[in-house]
């Protein structure tokens, strides 16, 4: 696999994580009522958290439901831009700067 990708070392874990997160959010069925949460604030028992709904809002935005996405969490568009920017930076690090020296 490394010979195919022409990379001396493994891919950065962060790059794999962000790509996997965006792909999984894009493949989820939009508007699905039942969801899994990792939010510790939700587990403590609080009903509101500033990050809750962000994943579902990103999912809605990736499927073109912009108004529903904005009503669920207004920062979903910014989150997508930041994640894509980080993915691009990680890929540039691998290509241009020999990430693993």
N, C-alpha and C. Protein backbone atom coordinates (compact mmCIF):
# COMPACT_ATOMS: atom_id res chain seq x y z
N UNK A 1 0.82 -1.19 0.00
CA UNK A 1 0.00 0.00 0.00
C UNK A 1 0.86 1.26 0.00
N UNK A 2 1.96 1.23 0.76
CA UNK A 2 2.84 2.40 0.81
C UNK A 2 3.47 2.67 -0.55
N UNK A 3 3.79 1.60 -1.29
CA UNK A 3 4.38 1.78 -2.61
C UNK A 3 3.38 2.44 -3.56
N UNK A 4 2.11 2.09 -3.42
CA UNK A 4 1.08 2.68 -4.27
C UNK A 4 0.95 4.17 -3.98
N UNK A 5 0.94 4.54 -2.68
CA UNK A 5 0.80 5.93 -2.30
C UNK A 5 2.11 6.71 -2.37
N UNK A 6 3.22 6.01 -2.55
CA UNK A 6 4.55 6.61 -2.60
C UNK A 6 4.85 7.42 -1.33
N UNK A 7 4.54 6.84 -0.19
CA UNK A 7 4.77 7.47 1.10
C UNK A 7 5.69 6.56 1.89
N UNK A 8 6.73 7.12 2.49
CA UNK A 8 7.69 6.32 3.23
C UNK A 8 7.12 5.78 4.53
N UNK A 9 6.31 6.55 5.19
CA UNK A 9 5.76 6.17 6.49
C UNK A 9 4.25 6.10 6.41
N UNK A 10 3.64 5.85 7.55
CA UNK A 10 2.19 5.80 7.63
C UNK A 10 1.59 7.19 7.44
N UNK A 11 0.31 7.22 7.06
CA UNK A 11 -0.41 8.49 6.99
C UNK A 11 -0.65 9.01 8.41
N UNK A 12 -0.68 10.33 8.58
CA UNK A 12 -0.94 10.88 9.92
C UNK A 12 -2.31 10.46 10.42
N UNK A 13 -2.39 10.11 11.68
CA UNK A 13 -3.65 9.67 12.28
C UNK A 13 -4.70 10.77 12.19
N UNK A 14 -4.26 12.01 12.36
CA UNK A 14 -5.21 13.13 12.30
C UNK A 14 -5.87 13.23 10.93
N UNK A 15 -5.11 13.00 9.88
CA UNK A 15 -5.66 13.04 8.53
C UNK A 15 -6.69 11.94 8.34
N UNK A 16 -6.38 10.75 8.78
CA UNK A 16 -7.31 9.63 8.68
C UNK A 16 -8.58 9.92 9.48
N UNK A 17 -8.41 10.50 10.67
CA UNK A 17 -9.56 10.83 11.51
C UNK A 17 -10.49 11.83 10.83
N UNK A 18 -9.94 12.95 10.32
CA UNK A 18 -10.78 13.98 9.72
C UNK A 18 -11.45 13.49 8.44
N UNK A 19 -10.72 12.74 7.63
CA UNK A 19 -11.33 12.19 6.42
C UNK A 19 -12.44 11.21 6.77
N UNK A 20 -12.19 10.35 7.74
CA UNK A 20 -13.21 9.40 8.18
C UNK A 20 -14.44 10.09 8.75
N UNK A 21 -14.22 11.16 9.51
CA UNK A 21 -15.34 11.89 10.10
C UNK A 21 -16.20 12.53 9.02
N UNK A 22 -15.58 13.20 8.05
CA UNK A 22 -16.37 13.83 7.00
C UNK A 22 -17.09 12.80 6.13
N UNK A 23 -16.42 11.71 5.82
CA UNK A 23 -17.05 10.68 5.00
C UNK A 23 -18.22 10.05 5.74
N UNK A 24 -18.04 9.75 7.03
CA UNK A 24 -19.14 9.14 7.78
C UNK A 24 -20.31 10.11 7.94
N UNK A 25 -20.04 11.39 8.14
CA UNK A 25 -21.12 12.37 8.23
C UNK A 25 -21.84 12.53 6.89
N UNK A 26 -21.10 12.42 5.80
CA UNK A 26 -21.72 12.54 4.48
C UNK A 26 -22.57 11.32 4.15
N UNK A 27 -22.20 10.16 4.68
CA UNK A 27 -22.93 8.93 4.35
C UNK A 27 -24.14 8.67 5.25
N UNK A 28 -24.24 9.41 6.36
CA UNK A 28 -25.39 9.23 7.26
C UNK A 28 -26.67 9.73 6.60
N UNK A 29 -27.76 9.11 6.97
CA UNK A 29 -29.06 9.54 6.48
C UNK A 29 -29.42 10.86 7.17
N UNK A 30 -29.69 11.92 6.40
CA UNK A 30 -29.97 13.21 7.03
C UNK A 30 -31.31 13.22 7.77
N UNK A 31 -31.34 13.93 8.88
CA UNK A 31 -32.56 14.08 9.64
C UNK A 31 -32.96 12.88 10.46
N UNK A 32 -32.07 11.92 10.63
CA UNK A 32 -32.38 10.73 11.41
C UNK A 32 -32.54 11.11 12.88
N UNK A 33 -33.65 10.71 13.50
CA UNK A 33 -33.96 11.13 14.87
C UNK A 33 -33.07 10.48 15.92
N UNK A 34 -32.75 9.22 15.77
CA UNK A 34 -31.95 8.52 16.76
C UNK A 34 -30.47 8.74 16.45
N UNK A 35 -29.73 9.16 17.44
CA UNK A 35 -28.32 9.42 17.22
C UNK A 35 -27.51 8.99 18.42
N UNK A 36 -26.27 8.73 18.15
CA UNK A 36 -25.32 8.35 19.19
C UNK A 36 -24.55 9.60 19.58
N UNK A 37 -24.28 9.77 20.86
CA UNK A 37 -23.55 10.94 21.31
C UNK A 37 -22.36 10.56 22.17
N UNK A 38 -21.31 11.32 22.04
CA UNK A 38 -20.14 11.18 22.90
C UNK A 38 -20.03 12.36 23.85
N UNK A 39 -21.05 13.20 23.89
CA UNK A 39 -21.01 14.44 24.65
C UNK A 39 -21.04 14.17 26.15
N UNK A 40 -19.97 14.53 26.88
CA UNK A 40 -19.97 14.31 28.33
C UNK A 40 -20.97 15.20 29.05
N UNK A 41 -21.24 16.38 28.50
CA UNK A 41 -22.21 17.28 29.12
C UNK A 41 -23.60 16.67 29.07
N UNK A 42 -23.92 16.00 27.98
CA UNK A 42 -25.21 15.32 27.86
C UNK A 42 -25.32 14.17 28.86
N UNK A 43 -24.23 13.43 29.05
CA UNK A 43 -24.24 12.32 29.99
C UNK A 43 -24.38 12.79 31.44
N UNK A 44 -23.88 13.99 31.74
CA UNK A 44 -24.02 14.54 33.09
C UNK A 44 -25.48 14.88 33.38
N UNK A 45 -26.22 15.25 32.35
CA UNK A 45 -27.63 15.52 32.54
C UNK A 45 -28.08 16.91 32.10
N UNK A 46 -27.16 17.71 31.59
CA UNK A 46 -27.56 19.03 31.11
C UNK A 46 -28.28 18.88 29.79
N UNK A 47 -29.27 19.73 29.57
CA UNK A 47 -30.07 19.62 28.35
C UNK A 47 -29.49 20.43 27.19
N UNK A 48 -28.56 21.33 27.45
CA UNK A 48 -27.98 22.14 26.39
C UNK A 48 -26.46 22.09 26.43
N UNK A 49 -25.87 22.02 25.27
CA UNK A 49 -24.41 22.01 25.13
C UNK A 49 -24.08 22.81 23.88
N UNK A 50 -23.04 23.65 23.89
CA UNK A 50 -22.74 24.46 22.71
C UNK A 50 -22.31 23.64 21.49
N UNK A 51 -21.88 22.42 21.67
CA UNK A 51 -21.44 21.60 20.54
C UNK A 51 -22.48 20.60 20.06
N UNK A 52 -23.50 20.36 20.87
CA UNK A 52 -24.50 19.36 20.50
C UNK A 52 -25.25 19.78 19.24
N UNK A 53 -25.43 18.86 18.36
CA UNK A 53 -26.12 19.11 17.10
C UNK A 53 -25.19 19.49 15.97
N UNK A 54 -23.92 19.70 16.27
CA UNK A 54 -22.98 20.13 15.23
C UNK A 54 -22.78 19.03 14.18
N UNK A 55 -22.64 17.80 14.61
CA UNK A 55 -22.47 16.70 13.66
C UNK A 55 -23.69 16.53 12.77
N UNK A 56 -24.88 16.61 13.37
CA UNK A 56 -26.11 16.49 12.57
C UNK A 56 -26.26 17.68 11.64
N UNK A 57 -25.85 18.88 12.09
CA UNK A 57 -25.92 20.06 11.24
C UNK A 57 -24.95 19.95 10.06
N UNK A 58 -23.76 19.42 10.30
CA UNK A 58 -22.81 19.19 9.22
C UNK A 58 -23.38 18.18 8.22
N UNK A 59 -24.00 17.13 8.74
CA UNK A 59 -24.63 16.13 7.88
C UNK A 59 -25.70 16.77 7.00
N UNK A 60 -26.55 17.59 7.59
CA UNK A 60 -27.60 18.26 6.81
C UNK A 60 -27.00 19.18 5.76
N UNK A 61 -25.94 19.91 6.11
CA UNK A 61 -25.32 20.82 5.15
C UNK A 61 -24.68 20.05 4.00
N UNK A 62 -24.04 18.93 4.29
CA UNK A 62 -23.42 18.13 3.23
C UNK A 62 -24.45 17.54 2.29
N UNK A 63 -25.69 17.44 2.73
CA UNK A 63 -26.77 16.93 1.89
C UNK A 63 -27.59 18.05 1.26
N UNK A 64 -27.17 19.30 1.47
CA UNK A 64 -27.83 20.43 0.81
C UNK A 64 -29.00 21.03 1.56
N UNK A 65 -29.24 20.63 2.79
CA UNK A 65 -30.33 21.18 3.60
C UNK A 65 -29.79 22.34 4.44
N UNK A 66 -29.53 23.47 3.78
CA UNK A 66 -28.82 24.57 4.42
C UNK A 66 -29.62 25.24 5.53
N UNK A 67 -30.90 25.49 5.32
CA UNK A 67 -31.69 26.16 6.36
C UNK A 67 -31.89 25.27 7.57
N UNK A 68 -32.12 23.98 7.36
CA UNK A 68 -32.26 23.05 8.49
C UNK A 68 -30.93 22.93 9.23
N UNK A 69 -29.83 22.94 8.50
CA UNK A 69 -28.52 22.86 9.11
C UNK A 69 -28.26 24.09 9.98
N UNK A 70 -28.56 25.27 9.44
CA UNK A 70 -28.33 26.50 10.19
C UNK A 70 -29.21 26.57 11.43
N UNK A 71 -30.44 26.08 11.34
CA UNK A 71 -31.31 26.11 12.52
C UNK A 71 -30.86 25.10 13.59
N UNK A 72 -30.22 24.02 13.18
CA UNK A 72 -29.73 23.04 14.15
C UNK A 72 -28.47 23.53 14.84
N UNK A 73 -27.53 24.09 14.07
CA UNK A 73 -26.30 24.66 14.64
C UNK A 73 -25.73 25.65 13.64
N UNK A 74 -25.67 26.93 13.98
CA UNK A 74 -25.25 27.94 13.01
C UNK A 74 -23.78 27.89 12.60
N UNK A 75 -22.95 27.12 13.30
CA UNK A 75 -21.53 27.08 12.97
C UNK A 75 -21.13 25.87 12.13
N UNK A 76 -22.09 25.15 11.57
CA UNK A 76 -21.78 23.96 10.78
C UNK A 76 -20.97 24.29 9.54
N UNK A 77 -21.31 25.36 8.84
CA UNK A 77 -20.57 25.75 7.65
C UNK A 77 -19.13 26.10 7.96
N UNK A 78 -18.94 26.83 9.04
CA UNK A 78 -17.58 27.17 9.47
C UNK A 78 -16.80 25.91 9.85
N UNK A 79 -17.45 24.98 10.52
CA UNK A 79 -16.79 23.74 10.91
C UNK A 79 -16.34 22.95 9.68
N UNK A 80 -17.17 22.89 8.66
CA UNK A 80 -16.80 22.18 7.42
C UNK A 80 -15.59 22.84 6.77
N UNK A 81 -15.60 24.17 6.71
CA UNK A 81 -14.48 24.90 6.11
C UNK A 81 -13.19 24.64 6.89
N UNK A 82 -13.26 24.69 8.21
CA UNK A 82 -12.07 24.46 9.03
C UNK A 82 -11.55 23.04 8.88
N UNK A 83 -12.44 22.06 8.86
CA UNK A 83 -12.02 20.66 8.72
C UNK A 83 -11.38 20.42 7.36
N UNK A 84 -11.98 20.95 6.31
CA UNK A 84 -11.41 20.79 4.96
C UNK A 84 -10.06 21.50 4.87
N UNK A 85 -9.96 22.70 5.47
CA UNK A 85 -8.69 23.42 5.49
C UNK A 85 -7.61 22.59 6.18
N UNK A 86 -7.98 21.95 7.31
CA UNK A 86 -7.00 21.13 8.05
C UNK A 86 -6.57 19.91 7.23
N UNK A 87 -7.51 19.29 6.54
CA UNK A 87 -7.19 18.14 5.68
C UNK A 87 -6.21 18.57 4.60
N UNK A 88 -6.46 19.72 3.98
CA UNK A 88 -5.57 20.22 2.94
C UNK A 88 -4.18 20.49 3.50
N UNK A 89 -4.10 21.07 4.69
CA UNK A 89 -2.81 21.34 5.31
C UNK A 89 -2.04 20.06 5.59
N UNK A 90 -2.73 19.04 6.08
CA UNK A 90 -2.07 17.76 6.36
C UNK A 90 -1.57 17.10 5.09
N UNK A 91 -2.34 17.18 4.02
CA UNK A 91 -1.91 16.61 2.74
C UNK A 91 -0.71 17.38 2.20
N UNK A 92 -0.72 18.70 2.33
CA UNK A 92 0.43 19.50 1.89
C UNK A 92 1.68 19.15 2.69
N UNK A 93 1.52 18.91 3.99
CA UNK A 93 2.66 18.53 4.81
C UNK A 93 3.28 17.22 4.33
N UNK A 94 2.45 16.30 3.92
CA UNK A 94 2.95 15.01 3.43
C UNK A 94 3.66 15.21 2.09
N UNK A 95 3.05 15.96 1.18
CA UNK A 95 3.59 16.12 -0.16
C UNK A 95 4.83 17.00 -0.19
N UNK A 96 4.78 18.16 0.43
CA UNK A 96 5.82 19.16 0.23
C UNK A 96 6.95 19.11 1.25
N UNK A 97 6.65 18.76 2.47
CA UNK A 97 7.65 18.88 3.52
C UNK A 97 8.12 17.55 4.07
N UNK A 98 7.78 16.47 3.39
CA UNK A 98 8.17 15.15 3.84
C UNK A 98 7.82 14.98 5.32
N UNK A 99 6.53 14.91 5.59
CA UNK A 99 5.92 14.95 6.93
C UNK A 99 6.69 14.17 7.97
N UNK A 100 7.26 13.04 7.62
CA UNK A 100 7.94 12.20 8.60
C UNK A 100 9.46 12.29 8.47
N UNK A 101 9.95 13.32 7.82
CA UNK A 101 11.36 13.60 7.74
C UNK A 101 12.20 12.46 7.38
